[in-house]
Amino acid sequence: STTVLQPERDSFFTEFLDASLRHSVYTEKELR
């Protein structure tokens, strides 16, 4: 129940989130 701050939102998407935060992706099939 809050509001996204637009400058922080832009920074979160464009500067913080990138491929370095996730080195691997696995499916449920691979888990099984």
Full PDB file with SEQRES, HELIX, SHEET, SSBOND, CRYST1, ORIGX, SCALE, CONECT and MASTER records, all heavy atoms in Angstrom:
SEQRES   1 A   32  SER THR THR VAL LEU GLN PRO GLU ARG ASP SER PHE PHE          
SEQRES   2 A   32  THR GLU PHE LEU ASP ALA SER LEU ARG HIS SER VAL TYR          
SEQRES   3 A   32  THR GLU LYS GLU LEU ARG                                      
HELIX    1 AA1 GLN A    6  SER A   11  1                                   6    
HELIX    2 AA2 PHE A   12  PHE A   16  3                                   5    
HELIX    3 AA3 ALA A   19  LEU A   21  5                                   3    
HELIX    4 AA4 GLU A   28  LEU A   31  1                                   4    
CRYST1    1.000    1.000    1.000  90.00  90.00  90.00 P 1           1          
ORIGX1      1.000000  0.000000  0.000000        0.00000                         
ORIGX2      0.000000  1.000000  0.000000        0.00000                         
ORIGX3      0.000000  0.000000  1.000000        0.00000                         
SCALE1      1.000000  0.000000  0.000000        0.00000                         
SCALE2      0.000000  1.000000  0.000000        0.00000                         
SCALE3      0.000000  0.000000  1.000000        0.00000                         
ATOM      1  N   SER A   1       0.823  -1.225   0.000  1.00  0.00           N  
ATOM      2  CA  SER A   1       0.000   0.000   0.000  1.00  0.00           C  
ATOM      3  C   SER A   1       0.852   1.269   0.000  1.00  0.00           C  
ATOM      4  O   SER A   1       0.625   2.206   0.770  1.00  0.00           O  
ATOM      5  CB  SER A   1      -0.945   0.009   1.208  1.00  0.00           C  
ATOM      6  OG  SER A   1      -1.769  -1.134   1.221  1.00  0.00           O  
ATOM      7  N   THR A   2       1.845   1.270  -0.867  1.00  0.00           N  
ATOM      8  CA  THR A   2       2.649   2.473  -1.059  1.00  0.00           C  
ATOM      9  C   THR A   2       2.701   2.793  -2.550  1.00  0.00           C  
ATOM     10  O   THR A   2       2.151   2.056  -3.364  1.00  0.00           O  
ATOM     11  CB  THR A   2       4.086   2.296  -0.532  1.00  0.00           C  
ATOM     12  OG1 THR A   2       4.716   1.247  -1.269  1.00  0.00           O  
ATOM     13  CG2 THR A   2       4.098   1.970   0.953  1.00  0.00           C  
ATOM     14  N   THR A   3       3.381   3.883  -2.872  1.00  0.00           N  
ATOM     15  CA  THR A   3       3.495   4.305  -4.266  1.00  0.00           C  
ATOM     16  C   THR A   3       4.951   4.251  -4.702  1.00  0.00           C  
ATOM     17  O   THR A   3       5.838   4.702  -3.983  1.00  0.00           O  
ATOM     18  CB  THR A   3       2.963   5.737  -4.438  1.00  0.00           C  
ATOM     19  OG1 THR A   3       1.596   5.772  -4.003  1.00  0.00           O  
ATOM     20  CG2 THR A   3       3.032   6.163  -5.899  1.00  0.00           C  
ATOM     21  N   VAL A   4       5.180   3.711  -5.889  1.00  0.00           N  
ATOM     22  CA  VAL A   4       6.530   3.642  -6.429  1.00  0.00           C  
ATOM     23  C   VAL A   4       7.056   5.046  -6.709  1.00  0.00           C  
ATOM     24  O   VAL A   4       6.363   5.876  -7.307  1.00  0.00           O  
ATOM     25  CB  VAL A   4       6.558   2.813  -7.732  1.00  0.00           C  
ATOM     26  CG1 VAL A   4       7.959   2.809  -8.334  1.00  0.00           C  
ATOM     27  CG2 VAL A   4       6.101   1.392  -7.469  1.00  0.00           C  
ATOM     28  N   LEU A   5       8.286   5.324  -6.260  1.00  0.00           N  
ATOM     29  CA  LEU A   5       8.944   6.586  -6.578  1.00  0.00           C  
ATOM     30  C   LEU A   5       9.550   6.472  -7.972  1.00  0.00           C  
ATOM     31  O   LEU A   5      10.366   5.594  -8.231  1.00  0.00           O  
ATOM     32  CB  LEU A   5      10.031   6.882  -5.546  1.00  0.00           C  
ATOM     33  CG  LEU A   5       9.552   7.014  -4.091  1.00  0.00           C  
ATOM     34  CD1 LEU A   5      10.753   7.142  -3.155  1.00  0.00           C  
ATOM     35  CD2 LEU A   5       8.641   8.216  -3.949  1.00  0.00           C  
ATOM     36  N   GLN A   6       9.158   7.360  -8.888  1.00  0.00           N  
ATOM     37  CA  GLN A   6       9.540   7.209 -10.283  1.00  0.00           C  
ATOM     38  C   GLN A   6      11.051   7.203 -10.515  1.00  0.00           C  
ATOM     39  O   GLN A   6      11.561   6.331 -11.239  1.00  0.00           O  
ATOM     40  CB  GLN A   6       8.890   8.300 -11.136  1.00  0.00           C  
ATOM     41  CG  GLN A   6       8.986   8.045 -12.632  1.00  0.00           C  
ATOM     42  CD  GLN A   6       8.304   6.741 -13.048  1.00  0.00           C  
ATOM     43  OE1 GLN A   6       7.205   6.429 -12.594  1.00  0.00           O  
ATOM     44  NE2 GLN A   6       8.962   5.954 -13.891  1.00  0.00           N  
ATOM     45  N   PRO A   7      11.821   8.126  -9.915  1.00  0.00           N  
ATOM     46  CA  PRO A   7      13.283   8.070 -10.151  1.00  0.00           C  
ATOM     47  C   PRO A   7      13.893   6.757  -9.662  1.00  0.00           C  
ATOM     48  O   PRO A   7      14.746   6.176 -10.336  1.00  0.00           O  
ATOM     49  CB  PRO A   7      13.811   9.262  -9.347  1.00  0.00           C  
ATOM     50  CG  PRO A   7      12.647  10.178  -9.210  1.00  0.00           C  
ATOM     51  CD  PRO A   7      11.451   9.290  -9.104  1.00  0.00           C  
ATOM     52  N   GLU A   8      13.440   6.294  -8.491  1.00  0.00           N  
ATOM     53  CA  GLU A   8      13.950   5.029  -7.953  1.00  0.00           C  
ATOM     54  C   GLU A   8      13.507   3.853  -8.807  1.00  0.00           C  
ATOM     55  O   GLU A   8      14.267   2.900  -8.996  1.00  0.00           O  
ATOM     56  CB  GLU A   8      13.483   4.844  -6.506  1.00  0.00           C  
ATOM     57  CG  GLU A   8      14.211   5.690  -5.478  1.00  0.00           C  
ATOM     58  CD  GLU A   8      13.750   7.138  -5.472  1.00  0.00           C  
ATOM     59  OE1 GLU A   8      12.825   7.484  -6.238  1.00  0.00           O  
ATOM     60  OE2 GLU A   8      14.337   7.936  -4.718  1.00  0.00           O  
ATOM     61  N   ARG A   9      12.284   3.932  -9.328  1.00  0.00           N  
ATOM     62  CA  ARG A   9      11.788   2.870 -10.204  1.00  0.00           C  
ATOM     63  C   ARG A   9      12.661   2.761 -11.452  1.00  0.00           C  
ATOM     64  O   ARG A   9      13.068   1.666 -11.849  1.00  0.00           O  
ATOM     65  CB  ARG A   9      10.334   3.168 -10.599  1.00  0.00           C  
ATOM     66  CG  ARG A   9       9.721   2.187 -11.596  1.00  0.00           C  
ATOM     67  CD  ARG A   9       8.407   2.739 -12.143  1.00  0.00           C  
ATOM     68  NE  ARG A   9       7.815   1.840 -13.109  1.00  0.00           N  
ATOM     69  CZ  ARG A   9       6.859   0.964 -12.838  1.00  0.00           C  
ATOM     70  NH1 ARG A   9       6.387   0.866 -11.606  1.00  0.00           N  
ATOM     71  NH2 ARG A   9       6.363   0.186 -13.776  1.00  0.00           N  
ATOM     72  N   ASP A  10      12.952   3.901 -12.072  1.00  0.00           N  
ATOM     73  CA  ASP A  10      13.779   3.902 -13.276  1.00  0.00           C  
ATOM     74  C   ASP A  10      15.161   3.337 -12.990  1.00  0.00           C  
ATOM     75  O   ASP A  10      15.704   2.541 -13.772  1.00  0.00           O  
ATOM     76  CB  ASP A  10      13.897   5.325 -13.830  1.00  0.00           C  
ATOM     77  CG  ASP A  10      12.556   5.864 -14.341  1.00  0.00           C  
ATOM     78  OD1 ASP A  10      11.640   5.046 -14.573  1.00  0.00           O  
ATOM     79  OD2 ASP A  10      12.429   7.095 -14.478  1.00  0.00           O  
ATOM     80  N   SER A  11      15.735   3.737 -11.852  1.00  0.00           N  
ATOM     81  CA  SER A  11      17.060   3.249 -11.478  1.00  0.00           C  
ATOM     82  C   SER A  11      17.035   1.750 -11.195  1.00  0.00           C  
ATOM     83  O   SER A  11      17.957   1.027 -11.576  1.00  0.00           O  
ATOM     84  CB  SER A  11      17.556   4.006 -10.243  1.00  0.00           C  
ATOM     85  OG  SER A  11      18.778   3.478  -9.785  1.00  0.00           O  
ATOM     86  N   PHE A  12      15.976   1.296 -10.548  1.00  0.00           N  
ATOM     87  CA  PHE A  12      15.841  -0.123 -10.220  1.00  0.00           C  
ATOM     88  C   PHE A  12      15.822  -0.969 -11.485  1.00  0.00           C  
ATOM     89  O   PHE A  12      16.487  -2.005 -11.578  1.00  0.00           O  
ATOM     90  CB  PHE A  12      14.549  -0.333  -9.424  1.00  0.00           C  
ATOM     91  CG  PHE A  12      14.313  -1.747  -8.950  1.00  0.00           C  
ATOM     92  CD1 PHE A  12      15.090  -2.301  -7.942  1.00  0.00           C  
ATOM     93  CD2 PHE A  12      13.300  -2.510  -9.505  1.00  0.00           C  
ATOM     94  CE1 PHE A  12      14.868  -3.597  -7.499  1.00  0.00           C  
ATOM     95  CE2 PHE A  12      13.070  -3.807  -9.072  1.00  0.00           C  
ATOM     96  CZ  PHE A  12      13.861  -4.352  -8.066  1.00  0.00           C  
ATOM     97  N   PHE A  13      15.096  -0.504 -12.497  1.00  0.00           N  
ATOM     98  CA  PHE A  13      14.970  -1.259 -13.744  1.00  0.00           C  
ATOM     99  C   PHE A  13      16.220  -1.156 -14.616  1.00  0.00           C  
ATOM    100  O   PHE A  13      16.664  -2.150 -15.202  1.00  0.00           O  
ATOM    101  CB  PHE A  13      13.758  -0.774 -14.541  1.00  0.00           C  
ATOM    102  CG  PHE A  13      12.439  -1.150 -13.927  1.00  0.00           C  
ATOM    103  CD1 PHE A  13      11.314  -0.382 -14.179  1.00  0.00           C  
ATOM    104  CD2 PHE A  13      12.308  -2.257 -13.112  1.00  0.00           C  
ATOM    105  CE1 PHE A  13      10.081  -0.727 -13.626  1.00  0.00           C  
ATOM    106  CE2 PHE A  13      11.095  -2.613 -12.547  1.00  0.00           C  
ATOM    107  CZ  PHE A  13       9.981  -1.837 -12.809  1.00  0.00           C  
ATOM    108  N   THR A  14      16.789   0.040 -14.713  1.00  0.00           N  
ATOM    109  CA  THR A  14      17.841   0.262 -15.704  1.00  0.00           C  
ATOM    110  C   THR A  14      19.260   0.070 -15.164  1.00  0.00           C  
ATOM    111  O   THR A  14      20.171  -0.254 -15.924  1.00  0.00           O  
ATOM    112  CB  THR A  14      17.730   1.690 -16.283  1.00  0.00           C  
ATOM    113  OG1 THR A  14      17.892   2.644 -15.216  1.00  0.00           O  
ATOM    114  CG2 THR A  14      16.385   1.900 -16.960  1.00  0.00           C  
ATOM    115  N   GLU A  15      19.446   0.275 -13.857  1.00  0.00           N  
ATOM    116  CA  GLU A  15      20.788   0.216 -13.296  1.00  0.00           C  
ATOM    117  C   GLU A  15      20.997  -0.970 -12.357  1.00  0.00           C  
ATOM    118  O   GLU A  15      22.076  -1.568 -12.347  1.00  0.00           O  
ATOM    119  CB  GLU A  15      21.101   1.516 -12.536  1.00  0.00           C  
ATOM    120  CG  GLU A  15      21.084   2.761 -13.422  1.00  0.00           C  
ATOM    121  CD  GLU A  15      21.291   4.037 -12.618  1.00  0.00           C  
ATOM    122  OE1 GLU A  15      21.816   3.941 -11.478  1.00  0.00           O  
ATOM    123  OE2 GLU A  15      20.910   5.121 -13.103  1.00  0.00           O  
ATOM    124  N   PHE A  16      19.960  -1.312 -11.572  1.00  0.00           N  
ATOM    125  CA  PHE A  16      20.144  -2.368 -10.566  1.00  0.00           C  
ATOM    126  C   PHE A  16      19.929  -3.756 -11.149  1.00  0.00           C  
ATOM    127  O   PHE A  16      20.754  -4.655 -10.971  1.00  0.00           O  
ATOM    128  CB  PHE A  16      19.193  -2.136  -9.392  1.00  0.00           C  
ATOM    129  CG  PHE A  16      19.364  -3.145  -8.291  1.00  0.00           C  
ATOM    130  CD1 PHE A  16      20.437  -3.068  -7.415  1.00  0.00           C  
ATOM    131  CD2 PHE A  16      18.455  -4.176  -8.136  1.00  0.00           C  
ATOM    132  CE1 PHE A  16      20.600  -4.004  -6.405  1.00  0.00           C  
ATOM    133  CE2 PHE A  16      18.609  -5.118  -7.130  1.00  0.00           C  
ATOM    134  CZ  PHE A  16      19.682  -5.032  -6.253  1.00  0.00           C  
ATOM    135  N   LEU A  17      18.817  -3.949 -11.840  1.00  0.00           N  
ATOM    136  CA  LEU A  17      18.508  -5.277 -12.371  1.00  0.00           C  
ATOM    137  C   LEU A  17      19.322  -5.551 -13.628  1.00  0.00           C  
ATOM    138  O   LEU A  17      19.241  -4.809 -14.598  1.00  0.00           O  
ATOM    139  CB  LEU A  17      17.010  -5.384 -12.697  1.00  0.00           C  
ATOM    140  CG  LEU A  17      16.040  -5.316 -11.525  1.00  0.00           C  
ATOM    141  CD1 LEU A  17      14.610  -5.424 -12.030  1.00  0.00           C  
ATOM    142  CD2 LEU A  17      16.324  -6.424 -10.509  1.00  0.00           C  
ATOM    143  N   ASP A  18      20.114  -6.602 -13.597  1.00  0.00           N  
ATOM    144  CA  ASP A  18      20.819  -7.029 -14.803  1.00  0.00           C  
ATOM    145  C   ASP A  18      21.152  -8.508 -14.679  1.00  0.00           C  
ATOM    146  O   ASP A  18      20.900  -9.144 -13.657  1.00  0.00           O  
ATOM    147  CB  ASP A  18      22.067  -6.183 -15.077  1.00  0.00           C  
ATOM    148  CG  ASP A  18      23.106  -6.272 -13.960  1.00  0.00           C  
ATOM    149  OD1 ASP A  18      23.385  -7.393 -13.495  1.00  0.00           O  
ATOM    150  OD2 ASP A  18      23.651  -5.228 -13.563  1.00  0.00           O  
ATOM    151  N   ALA A  19      21.746  -9.049 -15.720  1.00  0.00           N  
ATOM    152  CA  ALA A  19      21.990 -10.492 -15.786  1.00  0.00           C  
ATOM    153  C   ALA A  19      22.926 -10.988 -14.693  1.00  0.00           C  
ATOM    154  O   ALA A  19      22.892 -12.168 -14.326  1.00  0.00           O  
ATOM    155  CB  ALA A  19      22.551 -10.861 -17.159  1.00  0.00           C  
ATOM    156  N   SER A  20      23.756 -10.089 -14.119  1.00  0.00           N  
ATOM    157  CA  SER A  20      24.701 -10.525 -13.090  1.00  0.00           C  
ATOM    158  C   SER A  20      24.013 -10.976 -11.815  1.00  0.00           C  
ATOM    159  O   SER A  20      24.605 -11.646 -10.974  1.00  0.00           O  
ATOM    160  CB  SER A  20      25.679  -9.393 -12.757  1.00  0.00           C  
ATOM    161  OG  SER A  20      25.027  -8.333 -12.084  1.00  0.00           O  
ATOM    162  N   LEU A  21      22.730 -10.604 -11.664  1.00  0.00           N  
ATOM    163  CA  LEU A  21      21.997 -10.980 -10.468  1.00  0.00           C  
ATOM    164  C   LEU A  21      21.465 -12.406 -10.537  1.00  0.00           C  
ATOM    165  O   LEU A  21      20.968 -12.935  -9.549  1.00  0.00           O  
ATOM    166  CB  LEU A  21      20.821 -10.017 -10.242  1.00  0.00           C  
ATOM    167  CG  LEU A  21      21.199  -8.573  -9.919  1.00  0.00           C  
ATOM    168  CD1 LEU A  21      19.962  -7.686  -9.939  1.00  0.00           C  
ATOM    169  CD2 LEU A  21      21.883  -8.488  -8.564  1.00  0.00           C  
ATOM    170  N   ARG A  22      21.547 -13.012 -11.701  1.00  0.00           N  
ATOM    171  CA  ARG A  22      21.006 -14.371 -11.847  1.00  0.00           C  
ATOM    172  C   ARG A  22      21.895 -15.159 -12.789  1.00  0.00           C  
ATOM    173  O   ARG A  22      21.894 -14.968 -13.992  1.00  0.00           O  
ATOM    174  CB  ARG A  22      19.562 -14.308 -12.381  1.00  0.00           C  
ATOM    175  CG  ARG A  22      18.895 -15.662 -12.466  1.00  0.00           C  
ATOM    176  CD  ARG A  22      17.425 -15.546 -12.849  1.00  0.00           C  
ATOM    177  NE  ARG A  22      17.227 -14.866 -14.109  1.00  0.00           N  
ATOM    178  CZ  ARG A  22      16.098 -14.913 -14.816  1.00  0.00           C  
ATOM    179  NH1 ARG A  22      15.068 -15.601 -14.356  1.00  0.00           N  
ATOM    180  NH2 ARG A  22      15.995 -14.269 -15.956  1.00  0.00           N  
ATOM    181  N   HIS A  23      22.672 -16.088 -12.222  1.00  0.00           N  
ATOM    182  CA  HIS A  23      23.650 -16.839 -13.012  1.00  0.00           C  
ATOM    183  C   HIS A  23      23.066 -18.110 -13.616  1.00  0.00           C  
ATOM    184  O   HIS A  23      23.657 -18.687 -14.529  1.00  0.00           O  
ATOM    185  CB  HIS A  23      24.860 -17.188 -12.139  1.00  0.00           C  
ATOM    186  CG  HIS A  23      25.576 -15.980 -11.608  1.00  0.00           C  
ATOM    187  ND1 HIS A  23      26.332 -15.154 -12.403  1.00  0.00           N  
ATOM    188  CD2 HIS A  23      25.616 -15.448 -10.360  1.00  0.00           C  
ATOM    189  CE1 HIS A  23      26.837 -14.169 -11.668  1.00  0.00           C  
ATOM    190  NE2 HIS A  23      26.417 -14.321 -10.434  1.00  0.00           N  
ATOM    191  N   SER A  24      21.944 -18.553 -13.091  1.00  0.00           N  
ATOM    192  CA  SER A  24      21.368 -19.797 -13.597  1.00  0.00           C  
ATOM    193  C   SER A  24      19.853 -19.791 -13.412  1.00  0.00           C  
ATOM    194  O   SER A  24      19.336 -19.213 -12.456  1.00  0.00           O  
ATOM    195  CB  SER A  24      21.976 -21.006 -12.872  1.00  0.00           C  
ATOM    196  OG  SER A  24      21.787 -20.886 -11.477  1.00  0.00           O  
ATOM    197  N   VAL A  25      19.177 -20.428 -14.361  1.00  0.00           N  
ATOM    198  CA  VAL A  25      17.728 -20.587 -14.300  1.00  0.00           C  
ATOM    199  C   VAL A  25      17.420 -22.056 -14.557  1.00  0.00           C  
ATOM    200  O   VAL A  25      17.913 -22.632 -15.531  1.00  0.00           O  
ATOM    201  CB  VAL A  25      17.004 -19.717 -15.355  1.00  0.00           C  
ATOM    202  CG1 VAL A  25      15.498 -19.872 -15.222  1.00  0.00           C  
ATOM    203  CG2 VAL A  25      17.415 -18.256 -15.225  1.00  0.00           C  
ATOM    204  N   TYR A  26      16.636 -22.655 -13.679  1.00  0.00           N  
ATOM    205  CA  TYR A  26      16.299 -24.070 -13.820  1.00  0.00           C  
ATOM    206  C   TYR A  26      14.785 -24.243 -13.814  1.00  0.00           C  
ATOM    207  O   TYR A  26      14.051 -23.462 -13.209  1.00  0.00           O  
ATOM    208  CB  TYR A  26      16.905 -24.895 -12.682  1.00  0.00           C  
ATOM    209  CG  TYR A  26      18.409 -24.947 -12.701  1.00  0.00           C  
ATOM    210  CD1 TYR A  26      19.162 -24.113 -11.872  1.00  0.00           C  
ATOM    211  CD2 TYR A  26      19.082 -25.817 -13.554  1.00  0.00           C  
ATOM    212  CE1 TYR A  26      20.549 -24.157 -11.885  1.00  0.00           C  
ATOM    213  CE2 TYR A  26      20.472 -25.868 -13.579  1.00  0.00           C  
ATOM    214  CZ  TYR A  26      21.198 -25.033 -12.744  1.00  0.00           C  
ATOM    215  OH  TYR A  26      22.567 -25.070 -12.766  1.00  0.00           O  
ATOM    216  N   THR A  27      14.328 -25.262 -14.497  1.00  0.00           N  
ATOM    217  CA  THR A  27      12.907 -25.567 -14.579  1.00  0.00           C  
ATOM    218  C   THR A  27      12.542 -26.626 -13.546  1.00  0.00           C  
ATOM    219  O   THR A  27      13.413 -27.298 -12.965  1.00  0.00           O  
ATOM    220  CB  THR A  27      12.546 -26.092 -15.977  1.00  0.00           C  
ATOM    221  OG1 THR A  27      13.240 -27.342 -16.178  1.00  0.00           O  
ATOM    222  CG2 THR A  27      12.954 -25.099 -17.063  1.00  0.00           C  
ATOM    223  N   GLU A  28      11.256 -26.805 -13.362  1.00  0.00           N  
ATOM    224  CA  GLU A  28      10.795 -27.866 -12.467  1.00  0.00           C  
ATOM    225  C   GLU A  28      11.176 -29.237 -13.020  1.00  0.00           C  
ATOM    226  O   GLU A  28      11.501 -30.158 -12.260  1.00  0.00           O  
ATOM    227  CB  GLU A  28       9.278 -27.776 -12.277  1.00  0.00           C  
ATOM    228  CG  GLU A  28       8.736 -28.771 -11.269  1.00  0.00           C  
ATOM    229  CD  GLU A  28       7.252 -28.603 -11.012  1.00  0.00           C  
ATOM    230  OE1 GLU A  28       6.786 -27.443 -10.864  1.00  0.00           O  
ATOM    231  OE2 GLU A  28       6.538 -29.624 -10.953  1.00  0.00           O  
ATOM    232  N   LYS A  29      11.176 -29.363 -14.342  1.00  0.00           N  
ATOM    233  CA  LYS A  29      11.578 -30.632 -14.961  1.00  0.00           C  
ATOM    234  C   LYS A  29      13.022 -30.962 -14.619  1.00  0.00           C  
ATOM    235  O   LYS A  29      13.349 -32.127 -14.317  1.00  0.00           O  
ATOM    236  CB  LYS A  29      11.392 -30.554 -16.483  1.00  0.00           C  
ATOM    237  CG  LYS A  29      11.740 -31.840 -17.221  1.00  0.00           C  
ATOM    238  CD  LYS A  29      11.487 -31.698 -18.723  1.00  0.00           C  
ATOM    239  CE  LYS A  29      11.859 -32.986 -19.453  1.00  0.00           C  
ATOM    240  NZ  LYS A  29      11.634 -32.851 -20.925  1.00  0.00           N  
ATOM    241  N   GLU A  30      13.904 -29.966 -14.668  1.00  0.00           N  
ATOM    242  CA  GLU A  30      15.305 -30.201 -14.324  1.00  0.00           C  
ATOM    243  C   GLU A  30      15.460 -30.537 -12.841  1.00  0.00           C  
ATOM    244  O   GLU A  30      16.306 -31.354 -12.465  1.00  0.00           O  
ATOM    245  CB  GLU A  30      16.140 -28.966 -14.676  1.00  0.00           C  
ATOM    246  CG  GLU A  30      16.301 -28.756 -16.175  1.00  0.00           C  
ATOM    247  CD  GLU A  30      16.950 -27.430 -16.489  1.00  0.00           C  
ATOM    248  OE1 GLU A  30      16.394 -26.377 -16.096  1.00  0.00           O  
ATOM    249  OE2 GLU A  30      18.019 -27.442 -17.136  1.00  0.00           O  
ATOM    250  N   LEU A  31      14.632 -29.925 -12.006  1.00  0.00           N  
ATOM    251  CA  LEU A  31      14.648 -30.249 -10.582  1.00  0.00           C  
ATOM    252  C   LEU A  31      14.259 -31.708 -10.366  1.00  0.00           C  
ATOM    253  O   LEU A  31      14.908 -32.448  -9.612  1.00  0.00           O  
ATOM    254  CB  LEU A  31      13.688 -29.326  -9.826  1.00  0.00           C  
ATOM    255  CG  LEU A  31      13.499 -29.605  -8.334  1.00  0.00           C  
ATOM    256  CD1 LEU A  31      14.799 -29.372  -7.568  1.00  0.00           C  
ATOM    257  CD2 LEU A  31      12.379 -28.722  -7.767  1.00  0.00           C  
ATOM    258  N   ARG A  32      13.211 -32.148 -11.046  1.00  0.00           N  
ATOM    259  CA  ARG A  32      12.737 -33.528 -10.901  1.00  0.00           C  
ATOM    260  C   ARG A  32      13.775 -34.545 -11.381  1.00  0.00           C  
ATOM    261  O   ARG A  32      13.748 -35.704 -10.954  1.00  0.00           O  
ATOM    262  CB  ARG A  32      11.448 -33.717 -11.709  1.00  0.00           C  
ATOM    263  CG  ARG A  32      10.228 -33.004 -11.138  1.00  0.00           C  
ATOM    264  CD  ARG A  32       9.007 -33.224 -12.010  1.00  0.00           C  
ATOM    265  NE  ARG A  32       7.830 -32.524 -11.517  1.00  0.00           N  
ATOM    266  CZ  ARG A  32       7.006 -33.019 -10.591  1.00  0.00           C  
ATOM    267  NH1 ARG A  32       7.233 -34.231 -10.094  1.00  0.00           N  
ATOM    268  NH2 ARG A  32       5.960 -32.323 -10.189  1.00  0.00           N  
TER     269      ARG A  32                                                      
MASTER        0    0    0    4    0    0    0    6  268    1    0    3          
END                                                                             
